[in-house]
Amino acid sequence: MRAAYAKNGEARSVPMNAVLTETLKAIRINATDDGAVFRSRHGTSYKSFRSAFEKAVHKAGLVDFTFHDLRHTFASRLVMAGENLPTVKELMGHKDISMTLRYTHLSSDHKRQAVRQLERFGHQVPTKVPTVAQEPAKGHTQVFDFPRVGR
């Protein structure tokens, strides 16, 4: 899919996956010879999706939902699916990865699953627990030695 009117004025392409392709086919939307996928009822290319999108949002009964919300969803779902940030950055058209980080929001369930990954270390007990006198100097990190037990 090509965005000819991107915010920064640069045209760029984002590949369509099979789900999107099949969805568009199911509603009888096909790319034309010039590559345009979305056209008005008069057959002309849209200059902006805003009015069509806003009409669809209203018709669906959605409240406080903007086209921009789709960008946040796109980035967040890619990251939660395990895609790396540089790839998401490129797909989003960002120049800097810090902007990509603003778009990625992890679900509570995703965060819980991530923390559960630490449970595999739960059977391990440190061989050495520091006393107050042995605490690391300010600015240094304490690292514990956890032997592999039972695995």
Protein backbone atom coordinates (compact mmCIF):
# COMPACT_ATOMS: atom_id res chain seq x y z
CA MET A 1 0.00 0.00 0.00
CA ARG A 2 1.44 3.36 -0.94
CA ALA A 3 0.84 6.57 1.01
CA ALA A 4 1.23 9.35 -1.51
CA TYR A 5 0.24 12.11 0.88
CA ALA A 6 2.28 11.26 3.96
CA LYS A 7 2.60 13.86 6.72
CA ASN A 8 6.19 14.72 5.79
CA GLY A 9 5.33 14.97 2.10
CA GLU A 10 7.31 11.86 1.18
CA ALA A 11 5.56 8.98 -0.56
CA ARG A 12 6.22 5.58 0.98
CA SER A 13 4.96 2.02 0.74
CA VAL A 14 3.78 -0.42 3.39
CA PRO A 15 3.20 -4.04 2.37
CA MET A 16 -0.32 -5.44 2.69
CA ASN A 17 -0.65 -8.76 4.50
CA ALA A 18 -2.92 -11.63 3.43
CA VAL A 19 -5.66 -10.69 5.92
CA LEU A 20 -5.96 -7.16 4.54
CA THR A 21 -5.81 -8.39 0.95
CA GLU A 22 -8.59 -10.94 1.57
CA THR A 23 -10.68 -8.37 3.47
CA LEU A 24 -10.47 -5.92 0.58
CA LYS A 25 -11.35 -8.67 -1.90
CA ALA A 26 -14.33 -9.69 0.23
CA ILE A 27 -15.75 -6.19 0.02
CA ARG A 28 -14.84 -6.05 -3.66
CA ILE A 29 -12.07 -3.49 -3.46
CA ASN A 30 -9.28 -4.19 -5.91
CA ALA A 31 -6.19 -2.23 -6.79
CA THR A 32 -6.36 -0.56 -10.17
CA ASP A 33 -3.63 -0.54 -12.81
CA ASP A 34 -2.18 2.62 -11.29
CA GLY A 35 -1.96 0.89 -7.86
CA ALA A 36 -4.76 2.83 -6.17
CA VAL A 37 -6.80 0.68 -3.81
CA PHE A 38 -9.23 3.20 -2.37
CA ARG A 39 -11.34 5.27 -4.74
CA SER A 40 -14.40 7.44 -4.39
CA ARG A 41 -17.71 6.32 -5.87
CA HIS A 42 -16.75 8.40 -8.92
CA GLY A 43 -13.58 6.35 -9.45
CA THR A 44 -11.15 9.08 -8.44
CA SER A 45 -8.37 8.58 -5.88
CA TYR A 46 -9.04 9.96 -2.43
CA LYS A 47 -6.99 12.98 -1.43
CA SER A 48 -7.91 12.29 2.21
CA PHE A 49 -9.54 9.41 4.05
CA ARG A 50 -10.84 11.74 6.75
CA SER A 51 -14.47 12.14 5.63
CA ALA A 52 -14.93 8.47 4.64
CA PHE A 53 -13.29 7.31 7.87
CA GLU A 54 -15.33 9.67 10.05
CA LYS A 55 -18.53 8.50 8.36
CA ALA A 56 -17.59 4.84 8.98
CA VAL A 57 -16.75 5.56 12.65
CA HIS A 58 -20.10 7.31 13.12
CA LYS A 59 -21.98 4.49 11.34
CA ALA A 60 -20.24 1.90 13.57
CA GLY A 61 -21.26 3.83 16.69
CA LEU A 62 -17.69 4.36 17.86
CA VAL A 63 -17.00 7.26 20.20
CA ASP A 64 -13.74 9.20 20.50
CA PHE A 65 -11.97 7.16 17.81
CA THR A 66 -9.71 8.74 15.20
CA PHE A 67 -7.76 7.50 12.21
CA HIS A 68 -4.62 8.26 14.21
CA ASP A 69 -5.71 5.65 16.78
CA LEU A 70 -5.18 3.05 14.06
CA ARG A 71 -1.48 3.98 13.87
CA HIS A 72 -1.11 3.40 17.61
CA THR A 73 -2.90 0.06 17.29
CA PHE A 74 -0.71 -0.95 14.33
CA ALA A 75 2.54 -0.18 16.15
CA SER A 76 1.42 -1.69 19.46
CA ARG A 77 0.22 -4.95 17.93
CA LEU A 78 3.41 -5.36 15.92
CA VAL A 79 5.54 -4.94 19.06
CA MET A 80 3.33 -7.28 21.11
CA ALA A 81 3.64 -9.85 18.31
CA GLY A 82 7.41 -9.73 18.78
CA GLU A 83 8.40 -7.48 15.87
CA ASN A 84 11.57 -5.48 16.49
CA LEU A 85 11.45 -1.72 16.93
CA PRO A 86 13.62 -0.80 13.90
CA THR A 87 11.18 -2.65 11.63
CA VAL A 88 8.17 -0.97 13.27
CA LYS A 89 9.94 2.39 12.91
CA GLU A 90 10.35 1.82 9.16
CA LEU A 91 6.76 0.65 8.70
CA MET A 92 5.49 3.69 10.60
CA GLY A 93 7.64 6.04 8.51
CA HIS A 94 9.38 7.52 11.53
CA LYS A 95 12.78 9.14 11.22
CA ASP A 96 13.65 8.51 14.86
CA ILE A 97 12.91 5.45 17.02
CA SER A 98 11.89 7.68 19.94
CA MET A 99 8.77 8.59 17.96
CA THR A 100 8.03 4.89 17.44
CA LEU A 101 8.25 4.35 21.19
CA ARG A 102 5.51 6.97 21.67
CA TYR A 103 3.21 4.88 19.49
CA THR A 104 3.74 1.51 21.11
CA HIS A 105 1.50 0.71 24.04
CA LEU A 106 1.66 -2.72 25.63
CA SER A 107 -1.55 -4.27 26.89
CA SER A 108 -1.83 -5.23 30.55
CA ASP A 109 -2.09 -8.88 29.51
CA HIS A 110 1.10 -8.59 27.46
CA LYS A 111 2.94 -7.09 30.46
CA ARG A 112 1.67 -9.89 32.73
CA GLN A 113 2.86 -12.51 30.24
CA ALA A 114 6.26 -10.83 30.03
CA VAL A 115 6.70 -10.85 33.81
CA ARG A 116 5.59 -14.51 33.92
CA GLN A 117 8.69 -15.29 31.88
CA LEU A 118 10.66 -14.76 35.10
CA GLU A 119 8.85 -17.64 36.82
CA ARG A 120 11.19 -20.10 35.15
CA PHE A 121 13.90 -18.72 37.42
CA GLY A 122 11.74 -19.02 40.57
CA HIS A 123 13.24 -22.33 41.65
CA GLN A 124 16.69 -20.79 41.85
CA VAL A 125 18.05 -19.59 45.17
CA PRO A 126 21.03 -17.25 45.41
CA THR A 127 24.19 -18.88 46.78
CA LYS A 128 25.21 -15.62 48.40
CA VAL A 129 22.93 -12.98 49.88
CA PRO A 130 24.72 -9.72 50.65
CA THR A 131 24.66 -8.23 54.13
CA VAL A 132 24.43 -4.49 54.71
CA ALA A 133 28.23 -4.34 54.99
CA GLN A 134 28.58 -6.06 51.59
CA GLU A 135 26.18 -3.81 49.64
CA PRO A 136 27.65 -2.40 46.42
CA ALA A 137 29.06 1.08 46.29
CA LYS A 138 26.69 3.82 45.15
CA GLY A 139 26.21 3.72 41.38
CA HIS A 140 27.20 0.04 41.10
CA THR A 141 24.84 -2.82 40.35
CA GLN A 142 24.61 -5.88 42.60
CA VAL A 143 24.59 -9.17 40.70
CA PHE A 144 23.61 -12.43 42.38
CA ASP A 145 25.00 -15.80 41.39
CA PHE A 146 22.07 -18.18 40.82
CA PRO A 147 23.15 -21.79 40.27
CA ARG A 148 21.05 -23.90 37.91
CA VAL A 149 19.03 -26.24 40.13
CA GLY A 150 17.01 -29.17 38.87
CA ARG A 151 17.45 -28.44 35.17
